[in-house]
Protein backbone atom coordinates (compact mmCIF):
# COMPACT_ATOMS: atom_id res chain seq x y z
CA UNK A 1 87.17 77.68 100.02
CA UNK A 2 86.69 78.50 96.36
CA UNK A 3 87.75 80.76 93.53
CA UNK A 4 84.90 82.90 92.20
CA UNK A 5 84.30 84.17 88.65
CA UNK A 6 84.72 87.88 87.87
CA UNK A 7 81.97 90.06 86.45
CA UNK A 8 82.69 91.61 83.05
CA UNK A 9 83.21 95.38 82.97
CA UNK A 10 79.84 95.81 81.22
CA UNK A 11 77.91 94.32 84.19
CA UNK A 12 75.89 97.13 85.76
CA UNK A 13 76.71 95.92 89.29
CA UNK A 14 80.31 97.09 88.87
CA UNK A 15 79.01 100.61 88.33
CA UNK A 16 76.76 100.95 91.39
CA UNK A 17 77.58 101.31 95.09
CA UNK A 18 77.62 98.21 97.27
CA UNK A 19 75.46 97.83 100.38
CA UNK A 20 76.90 98.31 103.89
CA UNK A 21 77.60 95.25 106.03
CA UNK A 22 75.54 95.23 109.23
CA UNK A 23 77.74 92.78 111.16
CA UNK A 24 80.65 90.43 110.61
CA UNK A 25 78.96 87.03 110.50
CA UNK A 26 80.12 83.55 109.57
CA UNK A 27 78.73 84.20 106.07
CA UNK A 28 80.84 87.35 105.76
CA UNK A 29 83.91 85.41 106.90
CA UNK A 30 83.23 82.72 104.27
CA UNK A 31 82.91 85.40 101.57
CA UNK A 32 86.23 86.91 102.68
CA UNK A 33 87.86 83.46 102.48
CA UNK A 34 86.57 83.00 98.92
CA UNK A 35 87.75 86.51 98.05
CA UNK A 36 91.26 85.75 99.30
CA UNK A 37 91.36 82.50 97.31
CA UNK A 38 90.16 84.41 94.24
CA UNK A 39 92.69 87.23 94.78
CA UNK A 40 95.54 84.73 95.13
CA UNK A 41 94.45 82.89 91.97
CA UNK A 42 94.62 86.10 89.87
CA UNK A 43 97.26 86.81 91.35
CA UNK A 44 96.50 90.23 92.74
CA UNK A 45 96.93 92.49 95.74
CA UNK A 46 93.28 93.23 96.47
CA UNK A 47 89.69 92.37 95.70
CA UNK A 48 86.31 93.96 96.37
CA UNK A 49 83.15 91.86 96.69
CA UNK A 50 81.30 93.57 93.78
CA UNK A 51 84.02 92.31 91.41
CA UNK A 52 82.66 88.81 91.96
CA UNK A 53 79.00 89.84 92.03
CA UNK A 54 78.52 90.20 95.79
CA UNK A 55 77.06 93.65 96.38
CA UNK A 56 78.36 94.13 99.91
CA UNK A 57 81.02 96.59 101.14
CA UNK A 58 83.66 93.90 101.65
CA UNK A 59 87.29 94.04 100.53
CA UNK A 60 90.53 92.17 101.04
CA UNK A 61 94.05 93.51 100.49
CA UNK A 62 97.42 91.75 100.63
CA UNK A 63 100.35 93.71 99.22
CA UNK A 64 102.89 91.86 101.38
CA UNK A 65 106.01 90.32 99.85
CA UNK A 66 105.46 86.85 101.28
CA UNK A 67 101.63 86.83 101.07
CA UNK A 68 99.30 85.42 103.68
CA UNK A 69 98.93 88.85 105.32
CA UNK A 70 95.49 89.71 103.92
CA UNK A 71 93.55 92.45 105.67
CA UNK A 72 89.81 91.79 105.68
CA UNK A 73 87.66 94.91 105.65
CA UNK A 74 83.93 95.59 105.89
CA UNK A 75 82.63 99.09 105.19
CA UNK A 76 86.06 100.67 104.67
CA UNK A 77 86.17 104.45 104.53
CA UNK A 78 89.10 106.79 104.07
CA UNK A 79 89.55 109.12 107.02
CA UNK A 80 92.75 110.86 105.87
CA UNK A 81 94.88 110.84 102.77
CA UNK A 82 98.37 112.17 102.13
CA UNK A 83 98.96 115.17 99.93
CA UNK A 84 101.86 113.35 98.28
CA UNK A 85 100.73 111.21 95.35
CA UNK A 86 102.01 107.87 94.08
CA UNK A 87 101.71 106.68 90.48
CA UNK A 88 101.04 103.00 89.90
CA UNK A 89 99.97 100.85 86.95
CA UNK A 90 96.53 99.54 87.91
CA UNK A 91 94.52 96.75 86.34
CA UNK A 92 91.40 94.74 87.08
CA UNK A 93 90.27 91.21 86.25
CA UNK A 94 86.94 92.81 85.33
CA UNK A 95 88.73 94.53 82.45
CA UNK A 96 91.31 91.92 81.40
CA UNK A 97 94.39 92.61 79.33
CA UNK A 98 94.73 96.35 79.93
CA UNK A 99 96.16 98.65 82.59
CA UNK A 100 96.69 102.36 83.18
CA UNK A 101 98.93 104.52 85.34
CA UNK A 102 96.81 106.12 88.07
CA UNK A 103 97.89 108.75 90.63
CA UNK A 104 96.51 108.27 94.13
CA UNK A 105 97.49 109.49 97.59
CA UNK A 106 100.66 107.69 98.75
CA UNK A 107 99.22 107.02 102.24
CA UNK A 108 95.71 106.74 103.68
CA UNK A 109 94.11 106.14 107.06
CA UNK A 110 91.12 103.84 106.74
CA UNK A 111 88.36 102.92 109.21
CA UNK A 112 86.67 99.55 108.76
CA UNK A 113 85.14 96.59 110.56
CA UNK A 114 87.85 93.94 110.88
CA UNK A 115 87.47 90.16 110.90
CA UNK A 116 86.59 90.26 114.62
CA UNK A 117 83.74 92.70 113.93
CA UNK A 118 85.60 95.54 115.65
CA UNK A 119 86.05 99.06 114.29
CA UNK A 120 89.69 99.51 113.32
CA UNK A 121 91.62 102.52 112.04
CA UNK A 122 94.73 101.56 110.08
CA UNK A 123 97.35 103.43 108.10
CA UNK A 124 98.30 102.07 104.67
CA UNK A 125 101.29 103.26 102.64
CA UNK A 126 102.59 102.60 99.13
CA UNK A 127 101.09 99.64 97.27
CA UNK A 128 98.90 98.82 100.28
CA UNK A 129 97.38 102.34 100.09
CA UNK A 130 96.93 102.12 96.32
CA UNK A 131 95.14 98.78 96.60
CA UNK A 132 92.88 99.90 99.45
CA UNK A 133 91.82 102.97 97.45
CA UNK A 134 91.27 100.82 94.34
CA UNK A 135 89.00 98.47 96.34
CA UNK A 136 87.05 101.34 97.92
CA UNK A 137 86.47 102.68 94.40
CA UNK A 138 84.91 99.31 93.48
CA UNK A 139 82.69 99.48 96.58
CA UNK A 140 81.53 102.91 95.42
CA UNK A 141 80.71 101.69 91.91
CA UNK A 142 83.89 102.97 90.26
CA UNK A 143 86.56 101.17 88.28
CA UNK A 144 90.13 102.46 87.93
CA UNK A 145 89.46 103.57 84.34
CA UNK A 146 86.95 106.09 85.74
CA UNK A 147 90.03 108.13 86.77
CA UNK A 148 90.99 108.50 83.09
CA UNK A 149 89.75 110.85 80.40
CA UNK A 150 86.62 109.63 78.60
CA UNK A 151 88.61 108.98 75.40
CA UNK A 152 91.36 106.98 77.17
CA UNK A 153 88.72 105.00 79.10
CA UNK A 154 86.81 104.19 75.92
CA UNK A 155 90.02 103.02 74.21
CA UNK A 156 90.97 100.70 77.09
CA UNK A 157 87.47 99.24 77.39
CA UNK A 158 87.39 98.56 73.63
CA UNK A 159 90.87 96.99 73.72
CA UNK A 160 89.90 94.74 76.66
CA UNK A 161 86.70 93.63 74.88
CA UNK A 162 88.68 92.81 71.75
CA UNK A 163 91.23 90.79 73.77
CA UNK A 164 88.43 88.95 75.60
CA UNK A 165 86.77 87.94 72.33
CA UNK A 166 90.04 86.39 71.17
CA UNK A 167 90.05 84.53 74.48
């Protein structure tokens, strides 16, 4: 397949909700394949379609040690989340060169359409859970820096822009 380009943080599409997927079609499968290639090229542990300009509720996550275990999700929604939180340094190719420590539930149960077009409920723990929540944020028009104070967010966005200009 192919590696896709990332939208810059300033692109309005990153800040608006994506559209639901009606059915898992061959086109959706091709988008997922491109998303996995793009995620692996970063390298990263997850990717949401809006990050590459596709405004559909599609995400892929692979937090496995050996890779090649990507979970393809359409219309993911969190059903349950643990009370216990997990801190993790998060970043995004849409905001290159910066990261921030974000606290999220350590475990989540997510319902989604899988690559066979079937509704699946799956539990994710640790880095898998963090990545799934990060991708669902993107599908809802949020970026990880939206979890920060306005001042901290503004500082990271400015730093990323400065680093990008140096390129």
